Amino acid sequence: MIIEIKVDASELKGEGSEVIQKLANFIKEKTSAEVTTESKTITVKGEDASVSKKRLRVFLKKFLHKQELKDYFKVISGEESTLKVKERKLYEEE
C-alpha cells in the first residue's frame, strides 16, 4: 500500500528557499521514497515501512538539529497525513 504524507514547511521560508530543498533531499536520502516539492509543501510517497508519519517526524527533527534550527522550530502533527514545521514562540526573559 502506498502512503502519501505532506510536510508543511511554510514557516521555514524565512530561512531561505534552499532550506526547503535541502530538507526534501534529506528526506529522499533517508527514506528512498518519491519526494516532490511545491513552493512550501513537501509531499512524500512511499511504501508502508519506509514512510510512516512517526519515522518522518524523526527525520524532520534530525534535519532541524543538523541545520542548527531546532531551537527555533518544532515538528507538530497536522491533519490526518500532514506534518508541520512550526516556529517556536521564544519568550524573552524580563
Protein backbone atom coordinates (compact mmCIF):
# COMPACT_ATOMS: atom_id res chain seq x y z
CA MET A 1 0.00 0.00 0.00
CA ILE A 2 1.34 3.45 -0.92
CA ILE A 3 1.23 6.17 1.73
CA GLU A 4 1.33 9.89 0.99
CA ILE A 5 2.36 12.34 3.70
CA LYS A 6 2.61 16.09 3.29
CA VAL A 7 5.09 18.25 5.18
CA ASP A 8 4.09 21.90 5.54
CA ALA A 9 7.36 23.82 5.71
CA SER A 10 5.89 27.27 5.06
CA GLU A 11 7.39 28.72 8.25
CA LEU A 12 10.89 27.65 7.12
CA LYS A 13 10.57 30.03 4.14
CA GLY A 14 12.18 32.81 6.21
CA GLU A 15 15.39 30.74 6.40
CA GLY A 16 15.70 30.79 2.61
CA SER A 17 14.26 28.67 -0.21
CA GLU A 18 17.32 26.40 -0.32
CA VAL A 19 16.48 25.10 3.19
CA ILE A 20 13.25 23.54 1.93
CA GLN A 21 15.13 21.97 -0.99
CA LYS A 22 17.78 20.61 1.40
CA LEU A 23 15.00 19.16 3.55
CA ALA A 24 13.44 17.45 0.52
CA ASN A 25 16.82 15.96 -0.45
CA PHE A 26 17.43 14.83 3.14
CA ILE A 27 14.07 13.03 3.29
CA LYS A 28 14.66 11.42 -0.12
CA GLU A 29 18.08 10.18 1.05
CA LYS A 30 16.76 8.70 4.30
CA THR A 31 13.51 7.13 3.07
CA SER A 32 14.28 6.33 -0.58
CA ALA A 33 10.70 7.39 -1.31
CA GLU A 34 9.31 9.63 -4.03
CA VAL A 35 9.65 13.24 -2.82
CA THR A 36 8.12 16.22 -4.63
CA THR A 37 8.36 19.87 -3.65
CA GLU A 38 5.80 22.56 -4.29
CA SER A 39 6.54 26.10 -3.05
CA LYS A 40 6.11 25.44 0.70
CA THR A 41 4.93 21.84 0.81
CA ILE A 42 6.94 18.63 0.51
CA THR A 43 4.99 15.52 -0.49
CA VAL A 44 6.45 12.11 0.38
CA LYS A 45 5.04 8.99 -1.32
CA GLY A 46 6.26 5.52 -0.45
CA GLU A 47 5.59 2.04 0.87
CA ASP A 48 4.32 1.39 4.42
CA ALA A 49 7.61 0.57 6.12
CA SER A 50 9.76 3.29 4.55
CA VAL A 51 7.29 6.15 5.05
CA SER A 52 5.39 6.38 8.29
CA LYS A 53 4.35 9.58 9.99
CA LYS A 54 6.38 8.69 13.08
CA ARG A 55 9.53 7.93 11.09
CA LEU A 56 9.19 11.08 9.01
CA ARG A 57 8.81 13.16 12.18
CA VAL A 58 12.13 11.77 13.46
CA PHE A 59 13.86 12.65 10.18
CA LEU A 60 12.46 16.18 10.31
CA LYS A 61 13.78 16.61 13.85
CA LYS A 62 17.20 15.28 12.78
CA PHE A 63 17.28 17.71 9.87
CA LEU A 64 16.43 20.67 12.11
CA HIS A 65 19.17 19.57 14.52
CA LYS A 66 21.77 19.26 11.73
CA GLN A 67 20.87 22.70 10.34
CA GLU A 68 21.01 24.14 13.90
CA LEU A 69 17.37 25.21 13.64
CA LYS A 70 15.91 23.03 16.40
CA ASP A 71 15.96 25.91 18.89
CA TYR A 72 13.72 27.95 16.59
CA PHE A 73 11.41 25.35 15.01
CA LYS A 74 9.49 22.26 16.13
CA VAL A 75 7.63 19.48 14.32
CA ILE A 76 3.92 19.08 15.05
CA SER A 77 1.24 16.84 13.66
CA GLY A 78 -1.30 18.45 11.35
CA GLU A 79 -4.34 16.77 9.88
CA GLU A 80 -4.54 13.04 9.16
CA SER A 81 -1.46 12.75 6.92
CA THR A 82 0.28 16.09 7.47
CA LEU A 83 3.26 17.21 9.50
CA LYS A 84 4.04 20.89 10.10
CA VAL A 85 7.29 22.61 10.87
CA LYS A 86 6.24 25.36 13.30
CA GLU A 87 8.22 28.30 14.59
CA ARG A 88 8.76 28.15 18.33
CA LYS A 89 7.49 31.00 20.46
CA LEU A 90 10.57 32.46 22.10
CA TYR A 91 9.84 34.08 25.42
CA GLU A 92 12.06 36.95 26.39
CA GLU A 93 13.33 36.99 29.93
CA GLU A 94 12.38 40.04 31.92
